[in-house]
Amino acid sequence: MQVAYRLNADELDMNFLESIKKLFKEKSVYINISVDDIQDDTDYLLSNATNASRLLDAINNIENHKDKMLHKTLEDLG
């Protein structure tokens, strides 16, 4: 069984811990904590000059050609 929780650190309290203990009663659990911070990913991707150039070129291409882009809904693709 796998369960994912997304919450702010200030929401972590004993009630949260007790609910996890109740859900996984007498089972071994693995807890992994990661920060949900898009800026970390962006900084990482932009830290490599070649990668940064490609990403910024792609962004500029989208910004400069929005009027030529095709817009499709899921129904259009179905």
C-alpha atoms as a PDB file:
ATOM      1  CA  MET A   1       0.000   0.000   0.000  1.00  0.00           C
ATOM      2  CA  GLN A   2       1.238   3.465  -0.844  1.00  0.00           C
ATOM      3  CA  VAL A   3      -0.207   6.761   0.340  1.00  0.00           C
ATOM      4  CA  ALA A   4       1.003  10.270  -0.486  1.00  0.00           C
ATOM      5  CA  TYR A   5       0.233  13.356   1.574  1.00  0.00           C
ATOM      6  CA  ARG A   6       0.821  16.928   0.439  1.00  0.00           C
ATOM      7  CA  LEU A   7       0.650  19.499   3.204  1.00  0.00           C
ATOM      8  CA  ASN A   8       2.430  22.456   4.726  1.00  0.00           C
ATOM      9  CA  ALA A   9       5.015  21.767   7.417  1.00  0.00           C
ATOM     10  CA  ASP A  10       2.975  23.732   9.955  1.00  0.00           C
ATOM     11  CA  GLU A  11       0.150  21.200   9.492  1.00  0.00           C
ATOM     12  CA  LEU A  12       2.318  18.393  10.861  1.00  0.00           C
ATOM     13  CA  ASP A  13       1.103  17.624  14.352  1.00  0.00           C
ATOM     14  CA  MET A  14       0.428  14.678  16.632  1.00  0.00           C
ATOM     15  CA  ASN A  15      -3.027  14.152  15.084  1.00  0.00           C
ATOM     16  CA  PHE A  16      -1.395  13.616  11.689  1.00  0.00           C
ATOM     17  CA  LEU A  17       1.105  11.171  13.162  1.00  0.00           C
ATOM     18  CA  GLU A  18      -1.640   9.301  15.002  1.00  0.00           C
ATOM     19  CA  SER A  19      -3.665   8.978  11.790  1.00  0.00           C
ATOM     20  CA  ILE A  20      -0.642   7.437  10.027  1.00  0.00           C
ATOM     21  CA  LYS A  21      -0.101   5.040  12.928  1.00  0.00           C
ATOM     22  CA  LYS A  22      -3.772   4.017  12.781  1.00  0.00           C
ATOM     23  CA  LEU A  23      -3.739   3.536   9.003  1.00  0.00           C
ATOM     24  CA  PHE A  24      -0.569   1.404   9.019  1.00  0.00           C
ATOM     25  CA  LYS A  25      -1.107  -0.330  12.354  1.00  0.00           C
ATOM     26  CA  GLU A  26       1.727  -2.770  13.168  1.00  0.00           C
ATOM     27  CA  LYS A  27       3.273  -2.435   9.702  1.00  0.00           C
ATOM     28  CA  SER A  28       6.720  -1.210   8.815  1.00  0.00           C
ATOM     29  CA  VAL A  29       6.555   2.159   7.034  1.00  0.00           C
ATOM     30  CA  TYR A  30       8.997   4.173   4.948  1.00  0.00           C
ATOM     31  CA  ILE A  31       8.691   7.951   5.283  1.00  0.00           C
ATOM     32  CA  ASN A  32      10.251  10.212   2.661  1.00  0.00           C
ATOM     33  CA  ILE A  33      10.003  13.981   3.042  1.00  0.00           C
ATOM     34  CA  SER A  34      10.661  16.319   0.146  1.00  0.00           C
ATOM     35  CA  VAL A  35      10.119  20.012  -0.317  1.00  0.00           C
ATOM     36  CA  ASP A  36       7.574  20.851  -2.979  1.00  0.00           C
ATOM     37  CA  ASP A  37       9.435  23.853  -4.330  1.00  0.00           C
ATOM     38  CA  ILE A  38       9.368  24.445  -8.067  1.00  0.00           C
ATOM     39  CA  GLN A  39      12.115  27.051  -7.712  1.00  0.00           C
ATOM     40  CA  ASP A  40      14.607  24.345  -6.707  1.00  0.00           C
ATOM     41  CA  ASP A  41      13.878  22.478  -9.950  1.00  0.00           C
ATOM     42  CA  THR A  42      14.127  25.641 -12.016  1.00  0.00           C
ATOM     43  CA  ASP A  43      17.428  26.622 -10.412  1.00  0.00           C
ATOM     44  CA  TYR A  44      18.796  23.149 -11.111  1.00  0.00           C
ATOM     45  CA  LEU A  45      17.705  23.189 -14.762  1.00  0.00           C
ATOM     46  CA  LEU A  46      19.104  26.665 -15.314  1.00  0.00           C
ATOM     47  CA  SER A  47      22.418  25.889 -13.616  1.00  0.00           C
ATOM     48  CA  ASN A  48      23.745  24.249 -16.795  1.00  0.00           C
ATOM     49  CA  ALA A  49      24.448  26.853 -19.517  1.00  0.00           C
ATOM     50  CA  THR A  50      23.411  24.608 -22.430  1.00  0.00           C
ATOM     51  CA  ASN A  51      20.226  23.539 -20.686  1.00  0.00           C
ATOM     52  CA  ALA A  52      19.416  27.125 -19.698  1.00  0.00           C
ATOM     53  CA  SER A  53      19.888  28.320 -23.284  1.00  0.00           C
ATOM     54  CA  ARG A  54      17.578  25.619 -24.658  1.00  0.00           C
ATOM     55  CA  LEU A  55      14.900  26.287 -22.052  1.00  0.00           C
ATOM     56  CA  LEU A  56      14.989  30.055 -22.521  1.00  0.00           C
ATOM     57  CA  ASP A  57      14.887  29.648 -26.325  1.00  0.00           C
ATOM     58  CA  ALA A  58      11.835  27.391 -25.988  1.00  0.00           C
ATOM     59  CA  ILE A  59      10.091  29.915 -23.723  1.00  0.00           C
ATOM     60  CA  ASN A  60      10.844  32.757 -26.146  1.00  0.00           C
ATOM     61  CA  ASN A  61       9.607  30.653 -29.056  1.00  0.00           C
ATOM     62  CA  ILE A  62       6.303  30.024 -27.301  1.00  0.00           C
ATOM     63  CA  GLU A  63       5.921  33.669 -26.270  1.00  0.00           C
ATOM     64  CA  ASN A  64       6.656  34.948 -29.786  1.00  0.00           C
ATOM     65  CA  HIS A  65       4.449  32.449 -31.640  1.00  0.00           C
ATOM     66  CA  LYS A  66       1.345  32.086 -29.453  1.00  0.00           C
ATOM     67  CA  ASP A  67      -0.882  33.217 -32.330  1.00  0.00           C
ATOM     68  CA  LYS A  68       0.369  30.322 -34.492  1.00  0.00           C
ATOM     69  CA  MET A  69      -0.085  27.602 -31.851  1.00  0.00           C
ATOM     70  CA  LEU A  70      -2.837  25.016 -32.154  1.00  0.00           C
ATOM     71  CA  HIS A  71      -5.115  24.663 -29.153  1.00  0.00           C
ATOM     72  CA  LYS A  72      -6.811  21.291 -28.648  1.00  0.00           C
ATOM     73  CA  THR A  73      -9.108  19.987 -25.943  1.00  0.00           C
ATOM     74  CA  LEU A  74      -9.215  16.365 -24.800  1.00  0.00           C
ATOM     75  CA  GLU A  75     -12.443  15.984 -26.766  1.00  0.00           C
ATOM     76  CA  ASP A  76     -10.655  17.142 -29.936  1.00  0.00           C
ATOM     77  CA  LEU A  77      -8.051  14.422 -29.446  1.00  0.00           C
ATOM     78  CA  GLY A  78     -10.570  11.694 -28.611  1.00  0.00           C
END
